[in-house]
Amino acid sequence: MSIIQVEMFEGSTVEKKVGADLGFKRRMVGFAGAGEASVNVIIDEIKNENWAAGGELYADKLPD
């Protein structure tokens, strides 16, 4: 079994998450030869006020 853990800003639609899930699974199947059913994708949504880079919060970098 393979697990892919993705951290991203909150706010994506369910449709986008399903698309990401399928995309990651297909890449893992091609990369590791795993069966699609054995690949699990965990999506953690992070508030942009809890994510920083270069000494600046993304809440201050990104438009509302």
Protein backbone atom coordinates (compact mmCIF):
# COMPACT_ATOMS: atom_id res chain seq x y z
CA MET A 1 0.00 0.00 0.00
CA SER A 2 1.23 3.49 -0.83
CA ILE A 3 0.23 6.73 0.87
CA ILE A 4 0.58 10.15 -0.70
CA GLN A 5 0.10 13.03 1.71
CA VAL A 6 -0.66 16.44 0.22
CA GLU A 7 -0.77 19.72 2.12
CA MET A 8 -2.48 22.62 0.39
CA PHE A 9 -4.33 25.81 1.16
CA GLU A 10 -7.95 25.31 2.10
CA GLY A 11 -10.66 26.27 -0.32
CA SER A 12 -10.35 23.78 -3.17
CA THR A 13 -13.56 22.25 -4.46
CA VAL A 14 -14.37 18.59 -4.03
CA GLU A 15 -14.05 18.19 -7.79
CA LYS A 16 -10.48 19.56 -7.73
CA LYS A 17 -9.58 17.24 -4.85
CA VAL A 18 -10.96 14.22 -6.73
CA GLY A 19 -8.97 15.28 -9.79
CA ALA A 20 -5.81 15.62 -7.71
CA ASP A 21 -6.44 12.21 -6.16
CA LEU A 22 -6.74 10.57 -9.57
CA GLY A 23 -3.69 12.41 -10.91
CA PHE A 24 -1.48 11.42 -7.98
CA LYS A 25 -2.69 7.82 -8.12
CA ARG A 26 -1.94 7.52 -11.82
CA ARG A 27 1.57 8.89 -11.31
CA MET A 28 2.21 6.46 -8.45
CA VAL A 29 0.94 3.54 -10.53
CA GLY A 30 3.36 4.52 -13.30
CA PHE A 31 6.22 5.20 -10.90
CA ALA A 32 5.96 2.26 -8.51
CA GLY A 33 3.82 -0.18 -10.44
CA ALA A 34 1.29 -0.13 -7.61
CA GLY A 35 -2.34 -0.93 -8.20
CA GLU A 36 -4.60 2.13 -8.18
CA ALA A 37 -6.72 0.62 -5.40
CA SER A 38 -3.67 0.33 -3.15
CA VAL A 39 -2.74 4.03 -3.38
CA ASN A 40 -4.23 6.28 -0.71
CA VAL A 41 -4.16 10.07 -1.02
CA ILE A 42 -4.54 12.18 2.13
CA ILE A 43 -5.27 15.86 1.59
CA ASP A 44 -4.65 18.19 4.52
CA GLU A 45 -6.00 21.69 4.07
CA ILE A 46 -4.05 24.46 5.78
CA LYS A 47 -5.29 28.00 6.40
CA ASN A 48 -3.01 30.44 4.60
CA GLU A 49 -2.55 32.27 7.91
CA ASN A 50 -0.80 29.12 9.21
CA TRP A 51 1.67 28.81 6.31
CA ALA A 52 4.72 31.01 5.83
CA ALA A 53 7.68 31.24 3.48
CA GLY A 54 10.50 33.74 3.43
CA GLY A 55 9.42 35.23 6.75
CA GLU A 56 5.96 36.17 5.47
CA LEU A 57 2.58 34.53 5.96
CA TYR A 58 0.76 33.54 2.82
CA ALA A 59 -2.28 35.33 4.26
CA ASP A 60 -0.30 38.54 3.70
CA LYS A 61 1.07 37.46 0.30
CA LEU A 62 -2.09 36.25 -1.42
CA PRO A 63 -5.19 38.25 -2.33
CA ASP A 64 -8.41 37.41 -0.50
